């Protein structure tokens, strides 16, 4: 597995996703996150210890990944991936994991995936619910799925709270979807994707078919470009 995988966000989703990818044999990981470890992170972000509080997350995570997987090439990028920098970073990698918290960041990554054609594995957790979906060339993007949501209208995990174990489940699921993409094991109809939704209250999971929206503004911009 010589693929280059970018994990944007080294928190509740990025930590389990990076562990699962490294365990599966992915040899090159880039971790991008500008944040530092806080004591409130420790219950759900598995790479960090109390001694790491105050350190940059990507440095602490990269150190532990390198120790656990000596053959892994891991790059720490202590910066925010935003609408300005996302496309260039996507083009340097074969696949991207969305481990971000804010809705605006997720839409920026989705738009970068549409523009560049580099697959993105979206993941989201809020309270006791989680979901994940692969965004690939020709398929639906995040705007196709959530066309009516404005980034400023939805709370972040920090604002609404999140079940720590659910973040671990979704991060692991993102890694599984990423491995399927890298191995070419996906089989979906053209213009569709599968949204995997998990209800932490009932422990029920659903696989929902998402179709590309003909009037999607993000997809239209990519075609025009």
N, C-alpha and C. Protein backbone atom coordinates (compact mmCIF):
# COMPACT_ATOMS: atom_id res chain seq x y z
N UNK A 1 0.86 -1.19 0.00
CA UNK A 1 0.00 0.00 0.00
C UNK A 1 0.89 1.23 0.00
N UNK A 2 1.34 1.62 -1.18
CA UNK A 2 2.24 2.77 -1.29
C UNK A 2 1.50 4.07 -1.52
N UNK A 3 0.19 4.08 -1.26
CA UNK A 3 -0.62 5.27 -1.47
C UNK A 3 -0.23 6.37 -0.49
N UNK A 4 -0.45 7.60 -0.90
CA UNK A 4 -0.23 8.76 -0.04
C UNK A 4 -1.59 9.24 0.44
N UNK A 5 -1.80 9.20 1.74
CA UNK A 5 -3.10 9.54 2.33
C UNK A 5 -2.94 10.76 3.22
N UNK A 6 -3.79 11.74 3.00
CA UNK A 6 -3.81 12.96 3.82
C UNK A 6 -4.96 12.86 4.81
N UNK A 7 -4.67 13.01 6.09
CA UNK A 7 -5.69 13.02 7.14
C UNK A 7 -5.79 14.45 7.64
N UNK A 8 -6.91 15.10 7.33
CA UNK A 8 -7.12 16.49 7.73
C UNK A 8 -7.86 16.50 9.05
N UNK A 9 -7.16 16.83 10.12
CA UNK A 9 -7.73 16.79 11.46
C UNK A 9 -7.17 15.63 12.24
N UNK A 10 -6.48 15.91 13.33
CA UNK A 10 -5.87 14.85 14.14
C UNK A 10 -6.60 14.74 15.47
N UNK A 11 -7.93 14.68 15.39
CA UNK A 11 -8.76 14.62 16.60
C UNK A 11 -9.53 13.32 16.70
N UNK A 12 -10.82 13.44 17.07
CA UNK A 12 -11.63 12.26 17.34
C UNK A 12 -11.81 11.35 16.15
N UNK A 13 -11.80 11.88 14.93
CA UNK A 13 -11.90 11.07 13.72
C UNK A 13 -10.52 10.73 13.16
N UNK A 14 -9.65 11.71 13.11
CA UNK A 14 -8.34 11.50 12.52
C UNK A 14 -7.48 10.51 13.27
N UNK A 15 -7.58 10.47 14.58
CA UNK A 15 -6.76 9.53 15.37
C UNK A 15 -7.11 8.07 15.05
N UNK A 16 -8.38 7.63 15.19
CA UNK A 16 -8.68 6.24 14.86
C UNK A 16 -8.50 5.92 13.38
N UNK A 17 -8.77 6.88 12.50
CA UNK A 17 -8.59 6.64 11.08
C UNK A 17 -7.12 6.40 10.75
N UNK A 18 -6.23 7.21 11.30
CA UNK A 18 -4.80 7.04 11.03
C UNK A 18 -4.28 5.73 11.60
N UNK A 19 -4.76 5.33 12.77
CA UNK A 19 -4.36 4.05 13.34
C UNK A 19 -4.79 2.89 12.45
N UNK A 20 -6.05 2.93 12.00
CA UNK A 20 -6.56 1.84 11.18
C UNK A 20 -5.84 1.76 9.84
N UNK A 21 -5.55 2.91 9.24
CA UNK A 21 -4.84 2.92 7.96
C UNK A 21 -3.43 2.37 8.10
N UNK A 22 -2.73 2.81 9.14
CA UNK A 22 -1.37 2.31 9.37
C UNK A 22 -1.38 0.81 9.66
N UNK A 23 -2.36 0.34 10.43
CA UNK A 23 -2.47 -1.08 10.75
C UNK A 23 -2.73 -1.91 9.49
N UNK A 24 -3.44 -1.32 8.52
CA UNK A 24 -3.78 -2.03 7.30
C UNK A 24 -2.64 -2.04 6.29
N UNK A 25 -1.58 -1.28 6.55
CA UNK A 25 -0.43 -1.32 5.67
C UNK A 25 -0.20 -0.10 4.82
N UNK A 26 -0.99 0.96 4.99
CA UNK A 26 -0.71 2.20 4.28
C UNK A 26 0.65 2.73 4.75
N UNK A 27 1.51 3.08 3.81
CA UNK A 27 2.89 3.39 4.15
C UNK A 27 3.20 4.88 4.27
N UNK A 28 2.31 5.73 3.72
CA UNK A 28 2.62 7.17 3.74
C UNK A 28 1.39 7.95 4.18
N UNK A 29 1.52 8.61 5.32
CA UNK A 29 0.44 9.41 5.88
C UNK A 29 0.91 10.84 6.11
N UNK A 30 0.02 11.78 5.84
CA UNK A 30 0.25 13.17 6.20
C UNK A 30 -0.86 13.58 7.16
N UNK A 31 -0.48 14.12 8.30
CA UNK A 31 -1.44 14.61 9.29
C UNK A 31 -1.43 16.13 9.28
N UNK A 32 -2.59 16.73 9.05
CA UNK A 32 -2.68 18.19 9.01
C UNK A 32 -3.65 18.69 10.07
N UNK A 33 -3.17 19.54 10.97
CA UNK A 33 -4.01 20.08 12.04
C UNK A 33 -3.22 21.18 12.73
N UNK A 34 -3.79 22.37 12.93
CA UNK A 34 -3.06 23.45 13.59
C UNK A 34 -3.20 23.45 15.11
N UNK A 35 -4.07 22.59 15.65
CA UNK A 35 -4.42 22.66 17.07
C UNK A 35 -3.40 21.99 17.97
N UNK A 36 -3.49 22.34 19.24
CA UNK A 36 -2.66 21.73 20.27
C UNK A 36 -3.52 20.83 21.16
N UNK A 37 -2.89 19.88 21.78
CA UNK A 37 -3.60 18.92 22.64
C UNK A 37 -4.14 19.63 23.86
N UNK A 38 -5.41 19.37 24.15
CA UNK A 38 -6.08 19.92 25.32
C UNK A 38 -6.52 18.76 26.21
N UNK A 39 -6.62 19.01 27.49
CA UNK A 39 -7.02 17.94 28.42
C UNK A 39 -8.38 17.35 28.06
N UNK A 40 -9.26 18.17 27.46
CA UNK A 40 -10.59 17.67 27.09
C UNK A 40 -10.55 16.70 25.91
N UNK A 41 -9.41 16.62 25.23
CA UNK A 41 -9.28 15.70 24.09
C UNK A 41 -8.99 14.26 24.51
N UNK A 42 -8.48 14.09 25.70
CA UNK A 42 -7.84 12.81 26.04
C UNK A 42 -8.80 11.63 26.08
N UNK A 43 -10.09 11.86 26.33
CA UNK A 43 -11.00 10.72 26.46
C UNK A 43 -11.38 10.09 25.14
N UNK A 44 -11.13 10.77 24.00
CA UNK A 44 -11.54 10.21 22.72
C UNK A 44 -10.48 10.30 21.62
N UNK A 45 -9.36 10.92 21.87
CA UNK A 45 -8.33 11.07 20.86
C UNK A 45 -7.13 10.25 21.28
N UNK A 46 -7.06 9.04 20.75
CA UNK A 46 -6.26 7.97 21.33
C UNK A 46 -4.75 8.14 21.24
N UNK A 47 -4.24 9.03 20.41
CA UNK A 47 -2.80 9.18 20.31
C UNK A 47 -2.21 10.01 21.44
N UNK A 48 -3.04 10.68 22.25
CA UNK A 48 -2.51 11.66 23.19
C UNK A 48 -2.59 11.21 24.64
N UNK A 49 -1.63 11.71 25.42
CA UNK A 49 -1.55 11.44 26.85
C UNK A 49 -1.54 12.78 27.59
N UNK A 50 -1.67 12.72 28.91
CA UNK A 50 -1.67 13.96 29.69
C UNK A 50 -0.37 14.73 29.50
N UNK A 51 0.72 14.03 29.27
CA UNK A 51 2.01 14.69 29.07
C UNK A 51 2.07 15.46 27.75
N UNK A 52 1.12 15.21 26.86
CA UNK A 52 1.12 15.89 25.56
C UNK A 52 0.35 17.21 25.57
N UNK A 53 -0.37 17.50 26.66
CA UNK A 53 -1.18 18.72 26.71
C UNK A 53 -0.32 19.94 26.42
N UNK A 54 -0.76 20.75 25.47
CA UNK A 54 -0.02 21.93 25.06
C UNK A 54 0.82 21.72 23.82
N UNK A 55 1.11 20.47 23.46
CA UNK A 55 1.89 20.19 22.26
C UNK A 55 1.00 20.24 21.02
N UNK A 56 1.60 20.47 19.87
CA UNK A 56 0.88 20.38 18.61
C UNK A 56 0.40 18.95 18.40
N UNK A 57 -0.85 18.81 18.05
CA UNK A 57 -1.42 17.47 17.88
C UNK A 57 -0.66 16.64 16.84
N UNK A 58 -0.34 17.26 15.72
CA UNK A 58 0.29 16.48 14.65
C UNK A 58 1.67 15.96 15.05
N UNK A 59 2.38 16.72 15.88
CA UNK A 59 3.70 16.25 16.31
C UNK A 59 3.56 15.07 17.28
N UNK A 60 2.64 15.18 18.23
CA UNK A 60 2.45 14.08 19.18
C UNK A 60 1.93 12.83 18.47
N UNK A 61 0.95 13.01 17.57
CA UNK A 61 0.39 11.86 16.86
C UNK A 61 1.42 11.22 15.94
N UNK A 62 2.18 12.03 15.22
CA UNK A 62 3.19 11.49 14.31
C UNK A 62 4.25 10.71 15.07
N UNK A 63 4.62 11.20 16.24
CA UNK A 63 5.62 10.50 17.05
C UNK A 63 5.13 9.12 17.48
N UNK A 64 3.89 9.04 17.91
CA UNK A 64 3.37 7.75 18.36
C UNK A 64 3.11 6.81 17.18
N UNK A 65 2.67 7.37 16.06
CA UNK A 65 2.50 6.52 14.87
C UNK A 65 3.84 5.94 14.42
N UNK A 66 4.88 6.77 14.41
CA UNK A 66 6.20 6.30 13.99
C UNK A 66 6.74 5.24 14.93
N UNK A 67 6.45 5.40 16.22
CA UNK A 67 6.91 4.40 17.20
C UNK A 67 6.17 3.08 17.02
N UNK A 68 4.87 3.15 16.77
CA UNK A 68 4.07 1.94 16.63
C UNK A 68 4.28 1.24 15.28
N UNK A 69 4.60 2.04 14.25
CA UNK A 69 4.76 1.49 12.89
C UNK A 69 6.08 2.03 12.31
N UNK A 70 7.19 1.37 12.62
CA UNK A 70 8.52 1.91 12.23
C UNK A 70 8.69 2.10 10.73
N UNK A 71 7.98 1.33 9.90
CA UNK A 71 8.14 1.46 8.45
C UNK A 71 7.25 2.55 7.86
N UNK A 72 6.42 3.17 8.68
CA UNK A 72 5.49 4.19 8.20
C UNK A 72 6.21 5.51 7.97
N UNK A 73 5.94 6.13 6.84
CA UNK A 73 6.44 7.47 6.56
C UNK A 73 5.32 8.46 6.90
N UNK A 74 5.49 9.18 7.99
CA UNK A 74 4.43 10.08 8.46
C UNK A 74 4.95 11.51 8.47
N UNK A 75 4.16 12.40 7.87
CA UNK A 75 4.51 13.81 7.78
C UNK A 75 3.55 14.63 8.63
N UNK A 76 4.07 15.48 9.49
CA UNK A 76 3.26 16.34 10.34
C UNK A 76 3.15 17.72 9.70
N UNK A 77 1.93 18.17 9.50
CA UNK A 77 1.68 19.47 8.88
C UNK A 77 0.84 20.31 9.84
N UNK A 78 1.49 21.14 10.67
CA UNK A 78 0.76 21.90 11.70
C UNK A 78 0.10 23.15 11.15
N UNK A 79 -0.82 22.97 10.23
CA UNK A 79 -1.51 24.12 9.65
C UNK A 79 -2.94 23.76 9.29
N UNK A 80 -3.77 24.77 9.14
CA UNK A 80 -5.17 24.56 8.79
C UNK A 80 -5.31 24.37 7.28
N UNK A 81 -6.04 23.35 6.89
CA UNK A 81 -6.34 23.14 5.48
C UNK A 81 -7.66 23.84 5.19
N UNK A 82 -7.61 24.88 4.35
CA UNK A 82 -8.81 25.67 4.08
C UNK A 82 -9.06 25.75 2.58
N UNK A 83 -10.00 26.58 2.20
CA UNK A 83 -10.37 26.68 0.80
C UNK A 83 -9.21 27.13 -0.07
N UNK A 84 -8.26 27.86 0.51
CA UNK A 84 -7.12 28.35 -0.26
C UNK A 84 -6.08 27.27 -0.51
N UNK A 85 -5.81 26.45 0.50
CA UNK A 85 -4.72 25.47 0.42
C UNK A 85 -5.16 24.06 0.08
N UNK A 86 -6.46 23.77 0.17
CA UNK A 86 -6.93 22.39 0.05
C UNK A 86 -6.59 21.76 -1.29
N UNK A 87 -6.88 22.44 -2.39
CA UNK A 87 -6.71 21.83 -3.71
C UNK A 87 -5.26 21.39 -3.94
N UNK A 88 -4.30 22.24 -3.59
CA UNK A 88 -2.90 21.89 -3.80
C UNK A 88 -2.49 20.68 -2.97
N UNK A 89 -2.97 20.61 -1.73
CA UNK A 89 -2.65 19.47 -0.88
C UNK A 89 -3.31 18.19 -1.40
N UNK A 90 -4.53 18.30 -1.87
CA UNK A 90 -5.22 17.13 -2.44
C UNK A 90 -4.40 16.54 -3.58
N UNK A 91 -3.88 17.39 -4.44
CA UNK A 91 -3.17 16.92 -5.61
C UNK A 91 -1.84 16.25 -5.28
N UNK A 92 -1.37 16.41 -4.06
CA UNK A 92 -0.15 15.74 -3.62
C UNK A 92 -0.42 14.38 -3.00
N UNK A 93 -1.68 13.99 -2.93
CA UNK A 93 -2.06 12.74 -2.27
C UNK A 93 -3.02 11.93 -3.13
N UNK A 94 -3.14 10.65 -2.79
CA UNK A 94 -4.02 9.76 -3.54
C UNK A 94 -5.42 9.71 -2.95
N UNK A 95 -5.56 10.08 -1.69
CA UNK A 95 -6.86 10.05 -1.00
C UNK A 95 -6.77 10.93 0.23
N UNK A 96 -7.93 11.48 0.63
CA UNK A 96 -7.98 12.38 1.79
C UNK A 96 -9.06 11.91 2.75
N UNK A 97 -8.74 11.95 4.04
CA UNK A 97 -9.69 11.66 5.11
C UNK A 97 -10.13 12.98 5.74
N UNK A 98 -11.44 13.19 5.82
CA UNK A 98 -11.98 14.39 6.46
C UNK A 98 -12.18 14.12 7.95
N UNK A 99 -11.26 14.62 8.76
CA UNK A 99 -11.37 14.49 10.20
C UNK A 99 -11.64 15.82 10.87
N UNK A 100 -12.23 16.76 10.12
CA UNK A 100 -12.48 18.10 10.65
C UNK A 100 -13.74 18.14 11.49
N UNK A 101 -13.93 19.26 12.17
CA UNK A 101 -15.07 19.45 13.07
C UNK A 101 -16.09 20.41 12.48
N UNK A 102 -15.65 21.55 11.98
CA UNK A 102 -16.56 22.58 11.51
C UNK A 102 -17.20 22.25 10.16
N UNK A 103 -18.45 22.64 10.00
CA UNK A 103 -19.18 22.39 8.77
C UNK A 103 -18.54 23.13 7.59
N UNK A 104 -18.10 24.36 7.80
CA UNK A 104 -17.46 25.11 6.74
C UNK A 104 -16.22 24.40 6.22
N UNK A 105 -15.42 23.82 7.12
CA UNK A 105 -14.22 23.08 6.71
C UNK A 105 -14.60 21.87 5.87
N UNK A 106 -15.67 21.19 6.25
CA UNK A 106 -16.10 19.99 5.51
C UNK A 106 -16.53 20.35 4.10
N UNK A 107 -17.24 21.46 3.94
CA UNK A 107 -17.64 21.86 2.60
C UNK A 107 -16.43 22.26 1.76
N UNK A 108 -15.43 22.89 2.38
CA UNK A 108 -14.22 23.26 1.66
C UNK A 108 -13.48 22.03 1.15
N UNK A 109 -13.41 20.99 1.97
CA UNK A 109 -12.75 19.76 1.54
C UNK A 109 -13.55 19.08 0.44
N UNK A 110 -14.87 19.07 0.58
CA UNK A 110 -15.71 18.47 -0.45
C UNK A 110 -15.51 19.16 -1.79
N UNK A 111 -15.47 20.49 -1.78
CA UNK A 111 -15.29 21.24 -3.02
C UNK A 111 -13.91 20.97 -3.62
N UNK A 112 -12.89 20.80 -2.78
CA UNK A 112 -11.55 20.48 -3.28
C UNK A 112 -11.53 19.11 -3.94
N UNK A 113 -12.27 18.16 -3.35
CA UNK A 113 -12.34 16.81 -3.93
C UNK A 113 -13.01 16.85 -5.30
N UNK A 114 -14.07 17.64 -5.41
CA UNK A 114 -14.77 17.75 -6.69
C UNK A 114 -13.87 18.39 -7.74
N UNK A 115 -13.12 19.42 -7.35
CA UNK A 115 -12.27 20.14 -8.31
C UNK A 115 -11.09 19.29 -8.77
N UNK A 116 -10.49 18.56 -7.84
CA UNK A 116 -9.26 17.83 -8.17
C UNK A 116 -9.49 16.40 -8.61
N UNK A 117 -10.63 15.82 -8.25
CA UNK A 117 -10.87 14.42 -8.56
C UNK A 117 -10.22 13.46 -7.59
N UNK A 118 -9.57 13.97 -6.54
CA UNK A 118 -8.96 13.11 -5.52
C UNK A 118 -10.04 12.66 -4.55
N UNK A 119 -10.19 11.36 -4.31
CA UNK A 119 -11.26 10.89 -3.42
C UNK A 119 -11.12 11.44 -2.00
N UNK A 120 -12.27 11.79 -1.43
CA UNK A 120 -12.35 12.27 -0.06
C UNK A 120 -13.31 11.38 0.71
N UNK A 121 -12.91 10.96 1.91
CA UNK A 121 -13.79 10.18 2.77
C UNK A 121 -14.34 11.12 3.83
N UNK A 122 -15.58 11.55 3.61
CA UNK A 122 -16.25 12.44 4.57
C UNK A 122 -16.66 11.65 5.81
N UNK A 123 -16.55 12.29 6.96
CA UNK A 123 -17.03 11.70 8.21
C UNK A 123 -17.55 12.79 9.12
N UNK A 124 -18.59 12.51 9.84
CA UNK A 124 -19.15 13.48 10.76
C UNK A 124 -19.77 12.81 11.97
N UNK A 125 -19.58 13.42 13.12
CA UNK A 125 -20.17 12.92 14.37
C UNK A 125 -20.76 14.10 15.11
N UNK A 126 -21.98 13.93 15.61
CA UNK A 126 -22.62 14.96 16.42
C UNK A 126 -23.46 14.26 17.47
N UNK A 127 -23.15 14.55 18.73
CA UNK A 127 -23.83 13.90 19.84
C UNK A 127 -23.66 12.37 19.75
N UNK A 128 -24.74 11.63 19.52
CA UNK A 128 -24.66 10.17 19.48
C UNK A 128 -24.78 9.61 18.07
N UNK A 129 -24.73 10.47 17.07
CA UNK A 129 -24.92 10.03 15.69
C UNK A 129 -23.66 10.24 14.87
N UNK A 130 -23.45 9.36 13.89
CA UNK A 130 -22.30 9.49 13.02
C UNK A 130 -22.62 9.05 11.61
N UNK A 131 -21.84 9.54 10.66
CA UNK A 131 -22.03 9.16 9.26
C UNK A 131 -20.73 9.29 8.49
N UNK A 132 -20.65 8.55 7.39
CA UNK A 132 -19.45 8.59 6.55
C UNK A 132 -19.85 8.29 5.11
N UNK A 133 -19.10 8.87 4.16
CA UNK A 133 -19.40 8.68 2.75
C UNK A 133 -18.16 8.99 1.92
N UNK A 134 -17.95 8.24 0.87
CA UNK A 134 -16.86 8.51 -0.07
C UNK A 134 -17.33 9.51 -1.12
N UNK A 135 -16.56 10.57 -1.30
CA UNK A 135 -16.83 11.57 -2.33
C UNK A 135 -15.77 11.37 -3.41
N UNK A 136 -16.21 10.94 -4.59
CA UNK A 136 -15.28 10.60 -5.66
C UNK A 136 -15.66 11.30 -6.96
N UNK A 137 -14.78 11.25 -7.92
CA UNK A 137 -15.00 11.89 -9.22
C UNK A 137 -16.31 11.39 -9.86
N UNK A 138 -17.16 12.32 -10.26
CA UNK A 138 -18.40 11.96 -10.93
C UNK A 138 -19.55 11.63 -10.01
N UNK A 139 -19.28 11.54 -8.71
CA UNK A 139 -20.33 11.21 -7.76
C UNK A 139 -20.83 12.42 -7.02
N UNK A 140 -21.78 12.23 -6.12
CA UNK A 140 -22.31 13.36 -5.35
C UNK A 140 -21.28 13.90 -4.36
N UNK A 141 -21.35 15.20 -4.13
CA UNK A 141 -20.48 15.84 -3.16
C UNK A 141 -21.29 16.16 -1.90
N UNK A 142 -20.67 16.84 -0.98
CA UNK A 142 -21.35 17.15 0.28
C UNK A 142 -22.49 18.14 0.05
N UNK A 143 -22.33 19.03 -0.91
CA UNK A 143 -23.40 19.98 -1.21
C UNK A 143 -24.60 19.27 -1.84
N UNK A 144 -24.37 18.21 -2.60
CA UNK A 144 -25.48 17.41 -3.14
C UNK A 144 -26.29 16.79 -2.00
N UNK A 145 -25.60 16.42 -0.92
CA UNK A 145 -26.25 15.76 0.21
C UNK A 145 -26.92 16.75 1.13
N UNK A 146 -26.26 17.87 1.44
CA UNK A 146 -26.76 18.84 2.41
C UNK A 146 -26.94 20.20 1.75
N UNK A 147 -27.68 20.26 0.67
CA UNK A 147 -27.78 21.49 -0.10
C UNK A 147 -28.39 22.64 0.69
N UNK A 148 -29.23 22.36 1.69
CA UNK A 148 -29.93 23.42 2.40
C UNK A 148 -29.22 23.89 3.66
N UNK A 149 -28.08 23.29 4.00
CA UNK A 149 -27.39 23.65 5.23
C UNK A 149 -26.32 24.70 4.95
N UNK A 150 -26.41 25.80 5.66
CA UNK A 150 -25.37 26.82 5.58
C UNK A 150 -24.34 26.53 6.67
N UNK A 151 -23.04 26.65 6.36
CA UNK A 151 -22.00 26.34 7.36
C UNK A 151 -22.19 27.02 8.70
N UNK A 152 -22.77 28.22 8.72
CA UNK A 152 -22.93 28.95 9.97
C UNK A 152 -24.13 28.48 10.79
N UNK A 153 -24.99 27.64 10.19
CA UNK A 153 -26.21 27.22 10.86
C UNK A 153 -26.06 25.94 11.67
N UNK A 154 -25.00 25.19 11.46
CA UNK A 154 -24.84 23.89 12.11
C UNK A 154 -23.79 23.97 13.21
N UNK A 155 -24.04 23.40 14.38
CA UNK A 155 -23.06 23.45 15.47
C UNK A 155 -21.90 22.50 15.21
N UNK A 156 -20.77 22.81 15.78
CA UNK A 156 -19.62 21.92 15.71
C UNK A 156 -19.71 20.90 16.84
N UNK A 157 -18.83 19.90 16.80
CA UNK A 157 -18.79 18.90 17.87
C UNK A 157 -18.49 19.57 19.21
N UNK A 158 -17.59 20.55 19.19
CA UNK A 158 -17.23 21.24 20.43
C UNK A 158 -18.42 21.97 21.03
N UNK A 159 -19.31 22.44 20.17
CA UNK A 159 -20.47 23.18 20.65
C UNK A 159 -21.60 22.26 21.10
N UNK A 160 -21.85 21.18 20.37
CA UNK A 160 -23.00 20.31 20.64
C UNK A 160 -22.64 19.09 21.46
N UNK A 161 -21.36 18.74 21.54
CA UNK A 161 -20.96 17.53 22.26
C UNK A 161 -20.93 16.33 21.34
N UNK A 162 -20.16 15.33 21.72
CA UNK A 162 -20.03 14.13 20.91
C UNK A 162 -19.70 12.94 21.81
N UNK A 163 -20.29 11.79 21.50
CA UNK A 163 -19.96 10.54 22.18
C UNK A 163 -18.60 10.07 21.69
N UNK A 164 -17.62 9.99 22.59
CA UNK A 164 -16.26 9.66 22.19
C UNK A 164 -16.14 8.36 21.43
N UNK A 165 -16.86 7.33 21.87
CA UNK A 165 -16.77 6.04 21.21
C UNK A 165 -17.35 6.09 19.80
N UNK A 166 -18.35 6.96 19.56
CA UNK A 166 -18.91 7.09 18.22
C UNK A 166 -17.88 7.68 17.27
N UNK A 167 -17.08 8.62 17.75
CA UNK A 167 -16.00 9.17 16.92
C UNK A 167 -15.03 8.06 16.51
N UNK A 168 -14.74 7.16 17.43
CA UNK A 168 -13.86 6.04 17.11
C UNK A 168 -14.45 5.12 16.06
N UNK A 169 -15.76 4.87 16.16
CA UNK A 169 -16.45 4.01 15.18
C UNK A 169 -16.40 4.64 13.80
N UNK A 170 -16.73 5.93 13.72
CA UNK A 170 -16.77 6.59 12.42
C UNK A 170 -15.37 6.74 11.83
N UNK A 171 -14.38 7.04 12.66
CA UNK A 171 -13.01 7.11 12.16
C UNK A 171 -12.56 5.79 11.58
N UNK A 172 -12.90 4.69 12.25
CA UNK A 172 -12.57 3.37 11.73
C UNK A 172 -13.30 3.08 10.44
N UNK A 173 -14.57 3.49 10.36
CA UNK A 173 -15.34 3.29 9.14
C UNK A 173 -14.74 4.10 7.98
N UNK A 174 -14.30 5.30 8.26
CA UNK A 174 -13.65 6.10 7.22
C UNK A 174 -12.41 5.39 6.68
N UNK A 175 -11.64 4.79 7.56
CA UNK A 175 -10.45 4.05 7.12
C UNK A 175 -10.85 2.88 6.23
N UNK A 176 -11.91 2.17 6.60
CA UNK A 176 -12.39 1.04 5.79
C UNK A 176 -12.81 1.52 4.40
N UNK A 177 -13.58 2.60 4.34
CA UNK A 177 -13.99 3.14 3.04
C UNK A 177 -12.78 3.60 2.22
N UNK A 178 -11.79 4.16 2.90
CA UNK A 178 -10.57 4.60 2.22
C UNK A 178 -9.84 3.40 1.61
N UNK A 179 -9.72 2.33 2.36
CA UNK A 179 -9.04 1.14 1.85
C UNK A 179 -9.78 0.56 0.65
N UNK A 180 -11.10 0.58 0.70
CA UNK A 180 -11.87 0.10 -0.45
C UNK A 180 -11.59 0.95 -1.69
N UNK A 181 -11.49 2.27 -1.50
CA UNK A 181 -11.18 3.16 -2.62
C UNK A 181 -9.79 2.86 -3.17
N UNK A 182 -8.81 2.73 -2.30
CA UNK A 182 -7.44 2.52 -2.73
C UNK A 182 -7.26 1.19 -3.43
N UNK A 183 -8.05 0.19 -3.03
CA UNK A 183 -7.95 -1.14 -3.63
C UNK A 183 -8.88 -1.31 -4.83
N UNK A 184 -9.67 -0.28 -5.13
CA UNK A 184 -10.59 -0.38 -6.25
C UNK A 184 -11.71 -1.37 -6.01
N UNK A 185 -12.15 -1.48 -4.77
CA UNK A 185 -13.17 -2.47 -4.41
C UNK A 185 -14.57 -1.89 -4.33
N UNK A 186 -14.75 -0.65 -4.76
CA UNK A 186 -16.08 -0.04 -4.70
C UNK A 186 -16.87 -0.37 -5.96
N UNK A 187 -18.17 -0.53 -5.79
CA UNK A 187 -19.04 -0.83 -6.93
C UNK A 187 -20.36 -0.11 -6.71
N UNK A 188 -20.45 1.11 -7.22
CA UNK A 188 -21.68 1.90 -7.10
C UNK A 188 -22.07 2.40 -8.48
N UNK A 189 -23.34 2.66 -8.68
CA UNK A 189 -23.82 3.17 -9.96
C UNK A 189 -23.26 4.56 -10.19
N UNK A 190 -23.11 4.91 -11.47
CA UNK A 190 -22.59 6.23 -11.83
C UNK A 190 -23.46 7.33 -11.24
N UNK A 191 -22.80 8.35 -10.69
CA UNK A 191 -23.53 9.48 -10.13
C UNK A 191 -24.15 9.23 -8.77
N UNK A 192 -23.75 8.15 -8.11
CA UNK A 192 -24.29 7.83 -6.78
C UNK A 192 -23.16 7.55 -5.80
N UNK A 193 -23.50 7.55 -4.52
CA UNK A 193 -22.60 7.18 -3.44
C UNK A 193 -23.45 6.58 -2.32
N UNK A 194 -22.77 5.96 -1.37
CA UNK A 194 -23.47 5.36 -0.23
C UNK A 194 -23.12 6.12 1.03
N UNK A 195 -24.14 6.64 1.69
CA UNK A 195 -23.96 7.30 2.99
C UNK A 195 -24.22 6.28 4.08
N UNK A 196 -23.22 6.05 4.91
CA UNK A 196 -23.35 5.12 6.03
C UNK A 196 -23.70 5.92 7.28
N UNK A 197 -24.86 5.68 7.85
CA UNK A 197 -25.33 6.43 9.02
C UNK A 197 -25.50 5.48 10.20
N UNK A 198 -25.00 5.88 11.36
CA UNK A 198 -25.07 5.05 12.56
C UNK A 198 -25.74 5.84 13.68
N UNK A 199 -26.76 5.24 14.27
CA UNK A 199 -27.49 5.83 15.39
C UNK A 199 -26.94 5.23 16.68
N UNK A 200 -26.26 6.05 17.47
CA UNK A 200 -25.65 5.55 18.69
C UNK A 200 -26.64 5.22 19.79
N UNK A 201 -27.86 5.70 19.66
CA UNK A 201 -28.88 5.38 20.68
C UNK A 201 -29.42 3.96 20.50
N UNK A 202 -29.72 3.61 19.27
CA UNK A 202 -30.32 2.30 18.99
C UNK A 202 -29.29 1.29 18.48
N UNK A 203 -28.07 1.76 18.16
CA UNK A 203 -27.03 0.93 17.56
C UNK A 203 -27.48 0.35 16.22
N UNK A 204 -28.29 1.11 15.52
CA UNK A 204 -28.75 0.73 14.18
C UNK A 204 -27.94 1.49 13.14
N UNK A 205 -27.48 0.77 12.12
CA UNK A 205 -26.75 1.41 11.02
C UNK A 205 -27.55 1.26 9.74
N UNK A 206 -27.44 2.26 8.87
CA UNK A 206 -28.15 2.25 7.61
C UNK A 206 -27.21 2.66 6.48
N UNK A 207 -27.43 2.10 5.31
CA UNK A 207 -26.68 2.48 4.11
C UNK A 207 -27.67 3.11 3.15
N UNK A 208 -27.51 4.41 2.90
CA UNK A 208 -28.46 5.17 2.10
C UNK A 208 -27.82 5.60 0.78
N UNK A 209 -28.53 5.42 -0.30
CA UNK A 209 -28.03 5.83 -1.60
C UNK A 209 -28.20 7.34 -1.78
N UNK A 210 -27.12 8.02 -2.12
CA UNK A 210 -27.13 9.47 -2.38
C UNK A 210 -26.86 9.67 -3.86
N UNK A 211 -27.66 10.50 -4.50
CA UNK A 211 -27.51 10.76 -5.93
C UNK A 211 -26.98 12.17 -6.18
N UNK A 212 -26.23 12.30 -7.23
CA UNK A 212 -25.68 13.59 -7.62
C UNK A 212 -26.82 14.55 -7.94
N UNK A 213 -26.80 15.73 -7.36
CA UNK A 213 -27.85 16.72 -7.59
C UNK A 213 -27.59 17.46 -8.89
N UNK A 214 -28.56 17.48 -9.81
CA UNK A 214 -28.33 18.14 -11.11
C UNK A 214 -28.11 19.63 -10.99
N UNK A 215 -28.58 20.24 -9.92
CA UNK A 215 -28.43 21.68 -9.75
C UNK A 215 -27.40 22.04 -8.68
N UNK A 216 -26.49 21.12 -8.36
CA UNK A 216 -25.47 21.38 -7.33
C UNK A 216 -24.51 22.46 -7.78
N UNK A 217 -24.39 23.50 -6.99
CA UNK A 217 -23.52 24.63 -7.34
C UNK A 217 -22.04 24.23 -7.31
N UNK A 218 -21.64 23.39 -6.35
CA UNK A 218 -20.24 22.98 -6.25
C UNK A 218 -19.84 22.14 -7.45
N UNK A 219 -20.67 21.19 -7.83
CA UNK A 219 -20.35 20.34 -8.98
C UNK A 219 -20.34 21.15 -10.26
N UNK A 220 -21.24 22.12 -10.38
CA UNK A 220 -21.30 22.96 -11.57
C UNK A 220 -20.03 23.78 -11.73
N UNK A 221 -19.49 24.29 -10.62
CA UNK A 221 -18.24 25.06 -10.67
C UNK A 221 -17.09 24.20 -11.16
N UNK A 222 -17.06 22.93 -10.70
CA UNK A 222 -15.98 22.03 -11.10
C UNK A 222 -16.04 21.74 -12.59
N UNK A 223 -17.24 21.55 -13.11
CA UNK A 223 -17.40 21.29 -14.55
C UNK A 223 -16.98 22.50 -15.36
N UNK A 224 -17.36 23.69 -14.88
CA UNK A 224 -17.01 24.92 -15.58
C UNK A 224 -15.50 25.16 -15.61
N UNK A 225 -14.85 24.75 -14.50
CA UNK A 225 -13.40 24.94 -14.43
C UNK A 225 -12.66 23.99 -15.35
